[in-house]
PDB file of N, CA and C in Angstrom:
ATOM      1  N   MET A   1    -152.700 -74.734 -90.233  1.00  0.00           N
ATOM      2  CA  MET A   1    -152.045 -76.185 -90.220  1.00  0.00           C
ATOM      3  C   MET A   1    -153.082 -77.246 -89.942  1.00  0.00           C
ATOM      4  N   LEU A   2    -152.775 -78.258 -90.576  1.00  0.00           N
ATOM      5  CA  LEU A   2    -153.954 -79.538 -90.450  1.00  0.00           C
ATOM      6  C   LEU A   2    -153.744 -80.127 -89.056  1.00  0.00           C
ATOM      7  N   ASP A   3    -154.907 -80.619 -88.640  1.00  0.00           N
ATOM      8  CA  ASP A   3    -154.790 -81.506 -87.456  1.00  0.00           C
ATOM      9  C   ASP A   3    -154.921 -82.946 -87.782  1.00  0.00           C
ATOM     10  N   GLU A   4    -155.244 -83.302 -88.942  1.00  0.00           N
ATOM     11  CA  GLU A   4    -155.410 -84.604 -89.205  1.00  0.00           C
ATOM     12  C   GLU A   4    -154.251 -85.119 -90.130  1.00  0.00           C
ATOM     13  N   PRO A   5    -153.918 -86.460 -90.096  1.00  0.00           N
ATOM     14  CA  PRO A   5    -152.932 -87.088 -90.823  1.00  0.00           C
ATOM     15  C   PRO A   5    -153.206 -87.111 -92.284  1.00  0.00           C
ATOM     16  N   ILE A   6    -152.279 -87.199 -93.179  1.00  0.00           N
ATOM     17  CA  ILE A   6    -152.595 -87.023 -94.718  1.00  0.00           C
ATOM     18  C   ILE A   6    -152.330 -88.445 -95.144  1.00  0.00           C
ATOM     19  N   SER A   7    -153.320 -88.956 -95.921  1.00  0.00           N
ATOM     20  CA  SER A   7    -153.226 -90.300 -96.524  1.00  0.00           C
ATOM     21  C   SER A   7    -152.630 -90.224 -97.962  1.00  0.00           C
ATOM     22  N   ALA A   8    -151.825 -91.020 -98.409  1.00  0.00           N
ATOM     23  CA  ALA A   8    -151.111 -91.027 -99.642  1.00  0.00           C
ATOM     24  C   ALA A   8    -151.279 -92.393-100.208  1.00  0.00           C
ATOM     25  N   LEU A   9    -151.620 -92.559-101.476  1.00  0.00           N
ATOM     26  CA  LEU A   9    -151.463 -93.853-102.169  1.00  0.00           C
ATOM     27  C   LEU A   9    -150.287 -94.058-102.886  1.00  0.00           C
ATOM     28  N   VAL A  10    -149.406 -94.974-102.527  1.00  0.00           N
ATOM     29  CA  VAL A  10    -148.143 -95.392-103.035  1.00  0.00           C
ATOM     30  C   VAL A  10    -148.272 -96.759-103.685  1.00  0.00           C
ATOM     31  N   GLY A  11    -148.430 -97.028-105.034  1.00  0.00           N
ATOM     32  CA  GLY A  11    -148.616 -98.253-105.475  1.00  0.00           C
ATOM     33  C   GLY A  11    -149.852 -98.757-105.105  1.00  0.00           C
ATOM     34  N   ASN A  12    -149.904 -99.819-104.385  1.00  0.00           N
ATOM     35  CA  ASN A  12    -151.211-100.612-103.771  1.00  0.00           C
ATOM     36  C   ASN A  12    -151.321-100.411-102.384  1.00  0.00           C
ATOM     37  N   ASP A  13    -150.321 -99.717-101.903  1.00  0.00           N
ATOM     38  CA  ASP A  13    -150.361 -99.295-100.436  1.00  0.00           C
ATOM     39  C   ASP A  13    -150.878 -98.064-100.027  1.00  0.00           C
ATOM     40  N   LEU A  14    -151.598 -98.035 -98.920  1.00  0.00           N
ATOM     41  CA  LEU A  14    -152.057 -96.702 -98.314  1.00  0.00           C
ATOM     42  C   LEU A  14    -150.994 -96.277 -97.291  1.00  0.00           C
ATOM     43  N   ALA A  15    -150.550 -95.282 -97.397  1.00  0.00           N
ATOM     44  CA  ALA A  15    -149.635 -94.756 -96.293  1.00  0.00           C
ATOM     45  C   ALA A  15    -150.102 -93.563 -95.567  1.00  0.00           C
ATOM     46  N   VAL A  16    -150.190 -93.635 -94.383  1.00  0.00           N
ATOM     47  CA  VAL A  16    -150.811 -92.504 -93.333  1.00  0.00           C
ATOM     48  C   VAL A  16    -149.472 -91.674 -93.114  1.00  0.00           C
ATOM     49  N   ILE A  17    -149.360 -90.575 -93.314  1.00  0.00           N
ATOM     50  CA  ILE A  17    -148.179 -89.615 -93.333  1.00  0.00           C
ATOM     51  C   ILE A  17    -148.572 -88.542 -92.224  1.00  0.00           C
ATOM     52  N   SER A  18    -148.010 -88.330 -91.306  1.00  0.00           N
ATOM     53  CA  SER A  18    -148.459 -87.406 -90.187  1.00  0.00           C
ATOM     54  C   SER A  18    -147.627 -85.815 -90.612  1.00  0.00           C
ATOM     55  N   HIS A  19    -148.459 -84.832 -90.367  1.00  0.00           N
ATOM     56  CA  HIS A  19    -147.823 -83.592 -90.896  1.00  0.00           C
ATOM     57  C   HIS A  19    -146.850 -83.199 -90.019  1.00  0.00           C
ATOM     58  N   LEU A  20    -146.625 -83.951 -88.768  1.00  0.00           N
ATOM     59  CA  LEU A  20    -145.835 -83.667 -87.812  1.00  0.00           C
ATOM     60  C   LEU A  20    -144.261 -84.024 -88.144  1.00  0.00           C
ATOM     61  N   CYS A  21    -144.167 -84.857 -89.163  1.00  0.00           N
ATOM     62  CA  CYS A  21    -142.747 -85.436 -89.588  1.00  0.00           C
ATOM     63  C   CYS A  21    -141.960 -84.479 -90.152  1.00  0.00           C
ATOM     64  N   ASP A  22    -140.736 -84.605 -89.698  1.00  0.00           N
ATOM     65  CA  ASP A  22    -139.592 -83.704 -90.143  1.00  0.00           C
ATOM     66  C   ASP A  22    -139.355 -83.884 -91.530  1.00  0.00           C
ATOM     67  N   ARG A  23    -138.510 -82.855 -92.010  1.00  0.00           N
ATOM     68  CA  ARG A  23    -138.284 -82.693 -93.485  1.00  0.00           C
ATOM     69  C   ARG A  23    -137.393 -83.927 -93.990  1.00  0.00           C
ATOM     70  N   ALA A  24    -136.370 -84.277 -93.123  1.00  0.00           N
ATOM     71  CA  ALA A  24    -135.594 -85.293 -93.550  1.00  0.00           C
ATOM     72  C   ALA A  24    -136.251 -86.825 -93.711  1.00  0.00           C
ATOM     73  N   ALA A  25    -137.148 -86.968 -92.848  1.00  0.00           N
ATOM     74  CA  ALA A  25    -137.995 -88.219 -93.003  1.00  0.00           C
ATOM     75  C   ALA A  25    -138.914 -88.206 -94.252  1.00  0.00           C
ATOM     76  N   ALA A  26    -139.517 -87.076 -94.426  1.00  0.00           N
ATOM     77  CA  ALA A  26    -140.248 -86.861 -95.624  1.00  0.00           C
ATOM     78  C   ALA A  26    -139.497 -87.310 -96.774  1.00  0.00           C
ATOM     79  N   PHE A  27    -138.263 -86.451 -96.977  1.00  0.00           N
ATOM     80  CA  PHE A  27    -137.327 -86.800 -98.069  1.00  0.00           C
ATOM     81  C   PHE A  27    -137.034 -88.118 -98.168  1.00  0.00           C
ATOM     82  N   GLN A  28    -136.776 -88.866 -97.116  1.00  0.00           N
ATOM     83  CA  GLN A  28    -136.528 -90.499 -97.370  1.00  0.00           C
ATOM     84  C   GLN A  28    -137.422 -91.099 -97.704  1.00  0.00           C
ATOM     85  N   ARG A  29    -138.674 -90.851 -97.345  1.00  0.00           N
ATOM     86  CA  ARG A  29    -139.919 -91.546 -97.881  1.00  0.00           C
ATOM     87  C   ARG A  29    -140.262 -91.195 -99.298  1.00  0.00           C
ATOM     88  N   ALA A  30    -140.014 -89.935 -99.802  1.00  0.00           N
ATOM     89  CA  ALA A  30    -140.206 -89.717-101.089  1.00  0.00           C
ATOM     90  C   ALA A  30    -139.117 -90.430-102.140  1.00  0.00           C
ATOM     91  N   LEU A  31    -137.850 -90.454-101.527  1.00  0.00           N
ATOM     92  CA  LEU A  31    -136.775 -90.947-102.341  1.00  0.00           C
ATOM     93  C   LEU A  31    -136.860 -92.596-102.441  1.00  0.00           C
ATOM     94  N   ASN A  32    -137.568 -93.165-101.303  1.00  0.00           N
ATOM     95  CA  ASN A  32    -137.915 -94.683-101.295  1.00  0.00           C
ATOM     96  C   ASN A  32    -138.905 -94.912-102.354  1.00  0.00           C
ATOM     97  N   ALA A  33    -139.864 -94.181-102.353  1.00  0.00           N
ATOM     98  CA  ALA A  33    -141.100 -94.400-103.183  1.00  0.00           C
ATOM     99  C   ALA A  33    -140.507 -94.198-104.803  1.00  0.00           C
ATOM    100  N   ALA A  34    -139.761 -93.219-105.025  1.00  0.00           N
ATOM    101  CA  ALA A  34    -139.332 -92.810-106.382  1.00  0.00           C
ATOM    102  C   ALA A  34    -138.330 -94.026-106.820  1.00  0.00           C
ATOM    103  N   ALA A  35    -137.632 -94.427-105.872  1.00  0.00           N
ATOM    104  CA  ALA A  35    -136.538 -95.674-106.239  1.00  0.00           C
ATOM    105  C   ALA A  35    -137.228 -97.001-106.667  1.00  0.00           C
ATOM    106  N   CYS A  36    -138.475 -97.164-105.886  1.00  0.00           N
ATOM    107  CA  CYS A  36    -139.190 -98.437-106.156  1.00  0.00           C
ATOM    108  C   CYS A  36    -139.679 -98.285-107.505  1.00  0.00           C
ATOM    109  N   LEU A  37    -139.903 -97.223-108.234  1.00  0.00           N
ATOM    110  CA  LEU A  37    -140.391 -97.149-109.642  1.00  0.00           C
ATOM    111  C   LEU A  37    -139.460 -97.680-110.603  1.00  0.00           C
ATOM    112  N   TYR A  38    -138.220 -97.537-110.203  1.00  0.00           N
ATOM    113  CA  TYR A  38    -137.117 -97.779-111.095  1.00  0.00           C
ATOM    114  C   TYR A  38    -136.198 -98.912-110.854  1.00  0.00           C
ATOM    115  N   PHE A  39    -136.224 -99.473-109.737  1.00  0.00           N
ATOM    116  CA  PHE A  39    -135.372-100.376-109.350  1.00  0.00           C
ATOM    117  C   PHE A  39    -136.168-101.633-108.812  1.00  0.00           C
ATOM    118  N   THR A  40    -135.737-102.994-108.904  1.00  0.00           N
ATOM    119  CA  THR A  40    -136.473-104.082-108.500  1.00  0.00           C
ATOM    120  C   THR A  40    -136.472-104.390-106.938  1.00  0.00           C
ATOM    121  N   THR A  41    -135.236-103.939-106.502  1.00  0.00           N
ATOM    122  CA  THR A  41    -134.947-104.023-105.000  1.00  0.00           C
ATOM    123  C   THR A  41    -134.588-102.775-104.242  1.00  0.00           C
ATOM    124  N   VAL A  42    -135.225-102.376-103.381  1.00  0.00           N
ATOM    125  CA  VAL A  42    -134.987-101.251-102.626  1.00  0.00           C
ATOM    126  C   VAL A  42    -134.901-101.626-101.176  1.00  0.00           C
ATOM    127  N   LEU A  43    -133.898-101.484-100.632  1.00  0.00           N
ATOM    128  CA  LEU A  43    -133.694-101.602 -99.149  1.00  0.00           C
ATOM    129  C   LEU A  43    -133.242-100.332 -98.465  1.00  0.00           C
ATOM    130  N   SER A  44    -134.259 -99.866 -97.873  1.00  0.00           N
ATOM    131  CA  SER A  44    -133.909 -98.361 -97.257  1.00  0.00           C
ATOM    132  C   SER A  44    -133.384 -98.452 -95.883  1.00  0.00           C
ATOM    133  N   PRO A  45    -132.779 -97.270 -95.541  1.00  0.00           N
ATOM    134  CA  PRO A  45    -132.198 -97.263 -94.061  1.00  0.00           C
ATOM    135  C   PRO A  45    -133.196 -97.555 -93.020  1.00  0.00           C
ATOM    136  N   GLY A  46    -132.772 -98.664 -92.267  1.00  0.00           N
ATOM    137  CA  GLY A  46    -133.819 -99.114 -91.277  1.00  0.00           C
ATOM    138  C   GLY A  46    -134.541-100.443 -91.610  1.00  0.00           C
ATOM    139  N   SER A  47    -134.464-100.727 -92.920  1.00  0.00           N
ATOM    140  CA  SER A  47    -135.161-101.883 -93.478  1.00  0.00           C
ATOM    141  C   SER A  47    -134.519-103.137 -92.834  1.00  0.00           C
ATOM    142  N   ASP A  48    -133.451-103.178 -92.417  1.00  0.00           N
ATOM    143  CA  ASP A  48    -132.750-104.203 -91.730  1.00  0.00           C
ATOM    144  C   ASP A  48    -131.386-103.712 -91.017  1.00  0.00           C
ATOM    145  N   ASP A  49    -130.886-104.560 -90.218  1.00  0.00           N
ATOM    146  CA  ASP A  49    -129.559-104.171 -89.563  1.00  0.00           C
ATOM    147  C   ASP A  49    -128.427-103.853 -90.609  1.00  0.00           C
ATOM    148  N   ALA A  50    -128.482-104.702 -91.660  1.00  0.00           N
ATOM    149  CA  ALA A  50    -127.297-104.403 -92.606  1.00  0.00           C
ATOM    150  C   ALA A  50    -127.408-103.071 -93.479  1.00  0.00           C
ATOM    151  N   HIS A  51    -128.700-102.490 -93.655  1.00  0.00           N
ATOM    152  CA  HIS A  51    -128.990-101.366 -94.249  1.00  0.00           C
ATOM    153  C   HIS A  51    -129.363-100.250 -93.374  1.00  0.00           C
ATOM    154  N   ARG A  52    -128.898-100.257 -92.025  1.00  0.00           N
ATOM    155  CA  ARG A  52    -129.477 -99.252 -91.187  1.00  0.00           C
ATOM    156  C   ARG A  52    -128.908 -97.736 -91.515  1.00  0.00           C
ATOM    157  N   ASN A  53    -127.818 -97.550 -92.469  1.00  0.00           N
ATOM    158  CA  ASN A  53    -127.217 -96.328 -92.631  1.00  0.00           C
ATOM    159  C   ASN A  53    -127.157 -96.057 -94.150  1.00  0.00           C
ATOM    160  N   HIS A  54    -127.580 -96.756 -95.081  1.00  0.00           N
ATOM    161  CA  HIS A  54    -127.532 -96.548 -96.279  1.00  0.00           C
ATOM    162  C   HIS A  54    -128.777 -97.254 -97.197  1.00  0.00           C
ATOM    163  N   MET A  55    -128.853 -97.100 -98.454  1.00  0.00           N
ATOM    164  CA  MET A  55    -129.766 -97.670 -99.379  1.00  0.00           C
ATOM    165  C   MET A  55    -129.188 -98.742-100.272  1.00  0.00           C
ATOM    166  N   HIS A  56    -129.897 -99.702-100.536  1.00  0.00           N
ATOM    167  CA  HIS A  56    -129.378-100.673-101.416  1.00  0.00           C
ATOM    168  C   HIS A  56    -130.430-100.603-102.604  1.00  0.00           C
ATOM    169  N   LEU A  57    -129.907-100.757-103.936  1.00  0.00           N
ATOM    170  CA  LEU A  57    -130.658-100.545-104.875  1.00  0.00           C
ATOM    171  C   LEU A  57    -130.157-101.528-106.119  1.00  0.00           C
ATOM    172  N   ASP A  58    -131.077-102.374-106.704  1.00  0.00           N
ATOM    173  CA  ASP A  58    -130.596-103.194-107.776  1.00  0.00           C
ATOM    174  C   ASP A  58    -131.712-103.557-108.641  1.00  0.00           C
ATOM    175  N   VAL A  59    -131.439-104.073-109.798  1.00  0.00           N
ATOM    176  CA  VAL A  59    -132.452-104.381-110.797  1.00  0.00           C
ATOM    177  C   VAL A  59    -132.503-105.900-111.163  1.00  0.00           C
ATOM    178  N   MET A  60    -132.358-106.721-110.088  1.00  0.00           N
ATOM    179  CA  MET A  60    -132.463-108.049-110.508  1.00  0.00           C
ATOM    180  C   MET A  60    -133.860-108.651-110.972  1.00  0.00           C
ATOM    181  N   LYS A  61    -133.763-109.328-111.971  1.00  0.00           N
ATOM    182  CA  LYS A  61    -135.045-109.687-112.733  1.00  0.00           C
ATOM    183  C   LYS A  61    -135.752-110.890-111.580  1.00  0.00           C
ATOM    184  N   ARG A  62    -136.984-110.600-111.531  1.00  0.00           N
ATOM    185  CA  ARG A  62    -137.825-111.538-110.725  1.00  0.00           C
ATOM    186  C   ARG A  62    -138.951-112.136-111.457  1.00  0.00           C
ATOM    187  N   THR A  63    -139.353-113.254-111.086  1.00  0.00           N
ATOM    188  CA  THR A  63    -140.561-113.877-111.824  1.00  0.00           C
ATOM    189  C   THR A  63    -141.860-113.153-111.549  1.00  0.00           C
ATOM    190  N   GLY A  64    -142.363-112.789-112.695  1.00  0.00           N
ATOM    191  CA  GLY A  64    -143.645-112.177-112.507  1.00  0.00           C
ATOM    192  C   GLY A  64    -143.384-110.683-112.350  1.00  0.00           C
ATOM    193  N   GLY A  65    -142.358-110.017-112.562  1.00  0.00           N
ATOM    194  CA  GLY A  65    -142.199-108.890-112.277  1.00  0.00           C
ATOM    195  C   GLY A  65    -142.199-108.227-110.907  1.00  0.00           C
ATOM    196  N   TYR A  66    -142.001-109.143-109.972  1.00  0.00           N
ATOM    197  CA  TYR A  66    -142.043-108.796-108.539  1.00  0.00           C
ATOM    198  C   TYR A  66    -140.973-107.825-108.166  1.00  0.00           C
ATOM    199  N   ARG A  67    -141.310-106.755-107.199  1.00  0.00           N
ATOM    200  CA  ARG A  67    -140.390-105.951-106.589  1.00  0.00           C
ATOM    201  C   ARG A  67    -140.322-106.015-105.117  1.00  0.00           C
ATOM    202  N   TYR A  68    -139.327-105.785-104.658  1.00  0.00           N
ATOM    203  CA  TYR A  68    -138.933-105.695-103.103  1.00  0.00           C
ATOM    204  C   TYR A  68    -138.457-104.453-102.611  1.00  0.00           C
ATOM    205  N   CYS A  69    -139.692-103.726-102.081  1.00  0.00           N
ATOM    206  CA  CYS A  69    -139.343-102.263-101.506  1.00  0.00           C
ATOM    207  C   CYS A  69    -139.515-102.346-100.162  1.00  0.00           C
ATOM    208  N   ARG A  70    -138.458-102.075 -99.363  1.00  0.00           N
ATOM    209  CA  ARG A  70    -138.615-102.022 -97.874  1.00  0.00           C
ATOM    210  C   ARG A  70    -138.014-100.739 -97.348  1.00  0.00           C
TER     211      ARG A  70
END
């Protein structure tokens, strides 16, 4: 087992992922990252109070191809 956190490049962001995370949290992060490839808006559980227990996905067109993934 690794003693160091694992770094992963997602888009232009570097995310540090601890190997101690549970599978449900890892699945949610993977789902969020994949959704951001296909949808222009992704609001994940916990991104704000209105989305604390579900995901919001949409394909709203934005200037310059901007994406909002939280």
